[in-house]
Amino acid sequence: MEDKQAMENILLTAKGVCDLYMHGTLEASDSRVHQAFDKALNESLCMQDEIYQKMTAKGWYPTEQVEQQKIDKVKQKFSSSMQ
């Protein structure tokens, strides 16, 4: 397996773990359980960010710059729907 593919698999797994911990945090009825999930979520988010940064540095996670006009259009759409 190539390094890029391995990193993509690790990133997808990390994102899935973050999703599970987020739901555990949201649904926990006990404060200790909530804190445990919240701590695990934050640690997993940091790990996911490190993986993303390494992939970006190697050019394995290309991103695209969005035009400011498109950003402003989305902001306007959501700000008007919240009023």
N, C-alpha and C. Protein backbone atom coordinates (compact mmCIF):
# COMPACT_ATOMS: atom_id res chain seq x y z
N MET A 1 0.85 -1.18 0.00
CA MET A 1 0.00 0.00 0.00
C MET A 1 0.89 1.24 0.00
N GLU A 2 0.55 2.20 -0.81
CA GLU A 2 1.31 3.44 -0.87
C GLU A 2 1.13 4.26 0.40
N ASP A 3 2.12 5.11 0.69
CA ASP A 3 2.04 5.97 1.87
C ASP A 3 0.81 6.89 1.81
N LYS A 4 0.55 7.45 0.62
CA LYS A 4 -0.59 8.36 0.48
C LYS A 4 -1.90 7.64 0.82
N GLN A 5 -2.06 6.45 0.29
CA GLN A 5 -3.29 5.69 0.53
C GLN A 5 -3.41 5.31 2.02
N ALA A 6 -2.30 4.96 2.62
CA ALA A 6 -2.31 4.63 4.05
C ALA A 6 -2.72 5.84 4.87
N MET A 7 -2.17 7.01 4.52
CA MET A 7 -2.53 8.23 5.26
C MET A 7 -4.00 8.59 5.04
N GLU A 8 -4.50 8.39 3.83
CA GLU A 8 -5.92 8.65 3.58
C GLU A 8 -6.79 7.74 4.44
N ASN A 9 -6.43 6.48 4.55
CA ASN A 9 -7.18 5.54 5.38
C ASN A 9 -7.12 5.93 6.86
N ILE A 10 -5.95 6.35 7.31
CA ILE A 10 -5.81 6.78 8.71
C ILE A 10 -6.65 8.02 8.96
N LEU A 11 -6.63 8.97 8.02
CA LEU A 11 -7.42 10.19 8.18
C LEU A 11 -8.91 9.87 8.23
N LEU A 12 -9.37 9.01 7.34
CA LEU A 12 -10.79 8.63 7.36
C LEU A 12 -11.18 7.94 8.67
N THR A 13 -10.30 7.11 9.18
CA THR A 13 -10.55 6.46 10.46
C THR A 13 -10.61 7.48 11.58
N ALA A 14 -9.68 8.42 11.58
CA ALA A 14 -9.66 9.46 12.61
C ALA A 14 -10.93 10.31 12.56
N LYS A 15 -11.39 10.63 11.36
CA LYS A 15 -12.63 11.40 11.23
C LYS A 15 -13.82 10.61 11.77
N GLY A 16 -13.85 9.32 11.50
CA GLY A 16 -14.92 8.47 12.02
C GLY A 16 -14.92 8.40 13.54
N VAL A 17 -13.71 8.30 14.10
CA VAL A 17 -13.58 8.27 15.56
C VAL A 17 -14.07 9.60 16.15
N CYS A 18 -13.70 10.71 15.52
CA CYS A 18 -14.16 12.02 16.00
C CYS A 18 -15.68 12.09 15.99
N ASP A 19 -16.28 11.58 14.94
CA ASP A 19 -17.74 11.58 14.84
C ASP A 19 -18.37 10.77 15.98
N LEU A 20 -17.82 9.60 16.27
CA LEU A 20 -18.34 8.77 17.36
C LEU A 20 -18.20 9.47 18.72
N TYR A 21 -17.03 10.06 18.96
CA TYR A 21 -16.81 10.76 20.23
C TYR A 21 -17.70 12.00 20.35
N MET A 22 -17.96 12.67 19.23
CA MET A 22 -18.83 13.84 19.28
C MET A 22 -20.23 13.42 19.71
N HIS A 23 -20.74 12.34 19.11
CA HIS A 23 -22.07 11.87 19.47
C HIS A 23 -22.11 11.37 20.92
N GLY A 24 -21.04 10.72 21.35
CA GLY A 24 -20.97 10.30 22.75
C GLY A 24 -21.00 11.49 23.69
N THR A 25 -20.30 12.55 23.33
CA THR A 25 -20.29 13.77 24.14
C THR A 25 -21.67 14.39 24.20
N LEU A 26 -22.32 14.47 23.06
CA LEU A 26 -23.65 15.08 23.00
C LEU A 26 -24.71 14.28 23.75
N GLU A 27 -24.60 12.97 23.70
CA GLU A 27 -25.64 12.11 24.26
C GLU A 27 -25.39 11.68 25.71
N ALA A 28 -24.21 11.95 26.24
CA ALA A 28 -23.89 11.49 27.59
C ALA A 28 -24.80 12.16 28.62
N SER A 29 -25.41 11.35 29.46
CA SER A 29 -26.31 11.90 30.49
C SER A 29 -25.58 12.11 31.82
N ASP A 30 -24.43 11.48 31.97
CA ASP A 30 -23.63 11.61 33.18
C ASP A 30 -22.46 12.55 32.90
N SER A 31 -22.19 13.47 33.81
CA SER A 31 -21.15 14.47 33.57
C SER A 31 -19.76 13.84 33.44
N ARG A 32 -19.51 12.76 34.16
CA ARG A 32 -18.19 12.10 34.05
C ARG A 32 -18.03 11.43 32.69
N VAL A 33 -19.10 10.82 32.21
CA VAL A 33 -19.07 10.20 30.89
C VAL A 33 -18.91 11.28 29.83
N HIS A 34 -19.65 12.38 30.00
CA HIS A 34 -19.54 13.51 29.08
C HIS A 34 -18.09 14.02 29.03
N GLN A 35 -17.48 14.20 30.17
CA GLN A 35 -16.10 14.69 30.22
C GLN A 35 -15.13 13.72 29.56
N ALA A 36 -15.35 12.43 29.76
CA ALA A 36 -14.47 11.42 29.16
C ALA A 36 -14.57 11.46 27.63
N PHE A 37 -15.80 11.52 27.12
CA PHE A 37 -15.98 11.61 25.68
C PHE A 37 -15.42 12.92 25.13
N ASP A 38 -15.65 14.01 25.86
CA ASP A 38 -15.17 15.32 25.42
C ASP A 38 -13.64 15.35 25.34
N LYS A 39 -12.99 14.77 26.32
CA LYS A 39 -11.52 14.71 26.32
C LYS A 39 -11.03 13.86 25.15
N ALA A 40 -11.66 12.72 24.95
CA ALA A 40 -11.28 11.84 23.84
C ALA A 40 -11.52 12.53 22.50
N LEU A 41 -12.62 13.28 22.39
CA LEU A 41 -12.92 14.02 21.16
C LEU A 41 -11.83 15.04 20.87
N ASN A 42 -11.46 15.82 21.87
CA ASN A 42 -10.44 16.85 21.67
C ASN A 42 -9.10 16.24 21.28
N GLU A 43 -8.73 15.14 21.91
CA GLU A 43 -7.48 14.46 21.56
C GLU A 43 -7.55 13.92 20.12
N SER A 44 -8.68 13.39 19.75
CA SER A 44 -8.85 12.85 18.40
C SER A 44 -8.84 13.96 17.35
N LEU A 45 -9.44 15.10 17.68
CA LEU A 45 -9.41 16.23 16.75
C LEU A 45 -7.98 16.73 16.53
N CYS A 46 -7.19 16.75 17.59
CA CYS A 46 -5.78 17.14 17.46
C CYS A 46 -5.03 16.15 16.58
N MET A 47 -5.29 14.87 16.78
CA MET A 47 -4.64 13.83 15.98
C MET A 47 -5.06 13.95 14.51
N GLN A 48 -6.34 14.18 14.27
CA GLN A 48 -6.84 14.34 12.91
C GLN A 48 -6.18 15.54 12.26
N ASP A 49 -6.01 16.64 12.99
CA ASP A 49 -5.37 17.83 12.44
C ASP A 49 -3.91 17.56 12.08
N GLU A 50 -3.21 16.83 12.92
CA GLU A 50 -1.81 16.49 12.63
C GLU A 50 -1.70 15.67 11.34
N ILE A 51 -2.59 14.71 11.18
CA ILE A 51 -2.60 13.89 9.96
C ILE A 51 -2.87 14.77 8.74
N TYR A 52 -3.87 15.63 8.86
CA TYR A 52 -4.22 16.54 7.77
C TYR A 52 -3.03 17.44 7.42
N GLN A 53 -2.37 17.99 8.42
CA GLN A 53 -1.23 18.88 8.17
C GLN A 53 -0.10 18.14 7.45
N LYS A 54 0.17 16.91 7.84
CA LYS A 54 1.22 16.12 7.19
C LYS A 54 0.84 15.82 5.74
N MET A 55 -0.42 15.49 5.51
CA MET A 55 -0.86 15.21 4.15
C MET A 55 -0.80 16.46 3.29
N THR A 56 -1.19 17.59 3.84
CA THR A 56 -1.15 18.85 3.11
C THR A 56 0.29 19.22 2.75
N ALA A 57 1.21 19.03 3.69
CA ALA A 57 2.62 19.34 3.45
C ALA A 57 3.20 18.51 2.30
N LYS A 58 2.70 17.30 2.13
CA LYS A 58 3.19 16.42 1.06
C LYS A 58 2.40 16.61 -0.24
N GLY A 59 1.38 17.49 -0.21
CA GLY A 59 0.56 17.71 -1.40
C GLY A 59 -0.47 16.62 -1.62
N TRP A 60 -0.75 15.84 -0.59
CA TRP A 60 -1.69 14.72 -0.70
C TRP A 60 -3.13 15.11 -0.36
N TYR A 61 -3.34 16.35 0.06
CA TYR A 61 -4.69 16.81 0.41
C TYR A 61 -4.85 18.21 -0.19
N PRO A 62 -5.06 18.25 -1.50
CA PRO A 62 -5.16 19.56 -2.14
C PRO A 62 -6.43 20.30 -1.74
N THR A 63 -6.30 21.59 -1.59
CA THR A 63 -7.45 22.44 -1.28
C THR A 63 -7.57 23.51 -2.35
N GLU A 64 -8.74 24.08 -2.42
CA GLU A 64 -9.01 25.09 -3.44
C GLU A 64 -9.44 26.37 -2.75
N GLN A 65 -8.89 27.50 -3.19
CA GLN A 65 -9.29 28.79 -2.66
C GLN A 65 -10.65 29.17 -3.23
N VAL A 66 -11.52 29.66 -2.37
CA VAL A 66 -12.85 30.07 -2.79
C VAL A 66 -12.85 31.59 -2.99
N GLU A 67 -13.52 32.02 -4.03
CA GLU A 67 -13.62 33.45 -4.30
C GLU A 67 -14.40 34.12 -3.18
N GLN A 68 -13.97 35.34 -2.81
CA GLN A 68 -14.61 36.09 -1.73
C GLN A 68 -16.10 36.32 -2.04
N GLN A 69 -16.43 36.50 -3.30
CA GLN A 69 -17.82 36.73 -3.69
C GLN A 69 -18.70 35.53 -3.31
N LYS A 70 -18.20 34.32 -3.48
CA LYS A 70 -18.96 33.13 -3.12
C LYS A 70 -19.13 33.03 -1.60
N ILE A 71 -18.10 33.38 -0.87
CA ILE A 71 -18.17 33.38 0.60
C ILE A 71 -19.22 34.37 1.06
N ASP A 72 -19.19 35.57 0.51
CA ASP A 72 -20.15 36.61 0.89
C ASP A 72 -21.58 36.19 0.57
N LYS A 73 -21.77 35.49 -0.55
CA LYS A 73 -23.10 35.03 -0.94
C LYS A 73 -23.64 34.02 0.08
N VAL A 74 -22.80 33.09 0.51
CA VAL A 74 -23.22 32.09 1.49
C VAL A 74 -23.51 32.76 2.83
N LYS A 75 -22.65 33.69 3.24
CA LYS A 75 -22.89 34.42 4.50
C LYS A 75 -24.24 35.12 4.46
N GLN A 76 -24.51 35.79 3.36
CA GLN A 76 -25.77 36.52 3.22
C GLN A 76 -26.96 35.57 3.28
N LYS A 77 -26.84 34.43 2.61
CA LYS A 77 -27.93 33.46 2.59
C LYS A 77 -28.26 32.99 3.99
N PHE A 78 -27.24 32.66 4.78
CA PHE A 78 -27.48 32.11 6.11
C PHE A 78 -27.83 33.19 7.13
N SER A 79 -27.31 34.39 6.96
CA SER A 79 -27.66 35.45 7.92
C SER A 79 -29.10 35.87 7.72
N SER A 80 -29.59 35.87 6.48
CA SER A 80 -30.99 36.26 6.23
C SER A 80 -31.95 35.18 6.68
N SER A 81 -31.54 33.92 6.66
CA SER A 81 -32.42 32.83 7.09
C SER A 81 -32.52 32.73 8.61
N MET A 82 -31.60 33.36 9.33
CA MET A 82 -31.62 33.30 10.79
C MET A 82 -32.38 34.47 11.39
N GLN A 83 -32.82 35.39 10.58
CA GLN A 83 -33.53 36.57 11.12
C GLN A 83 -35.01 36.33 11.21
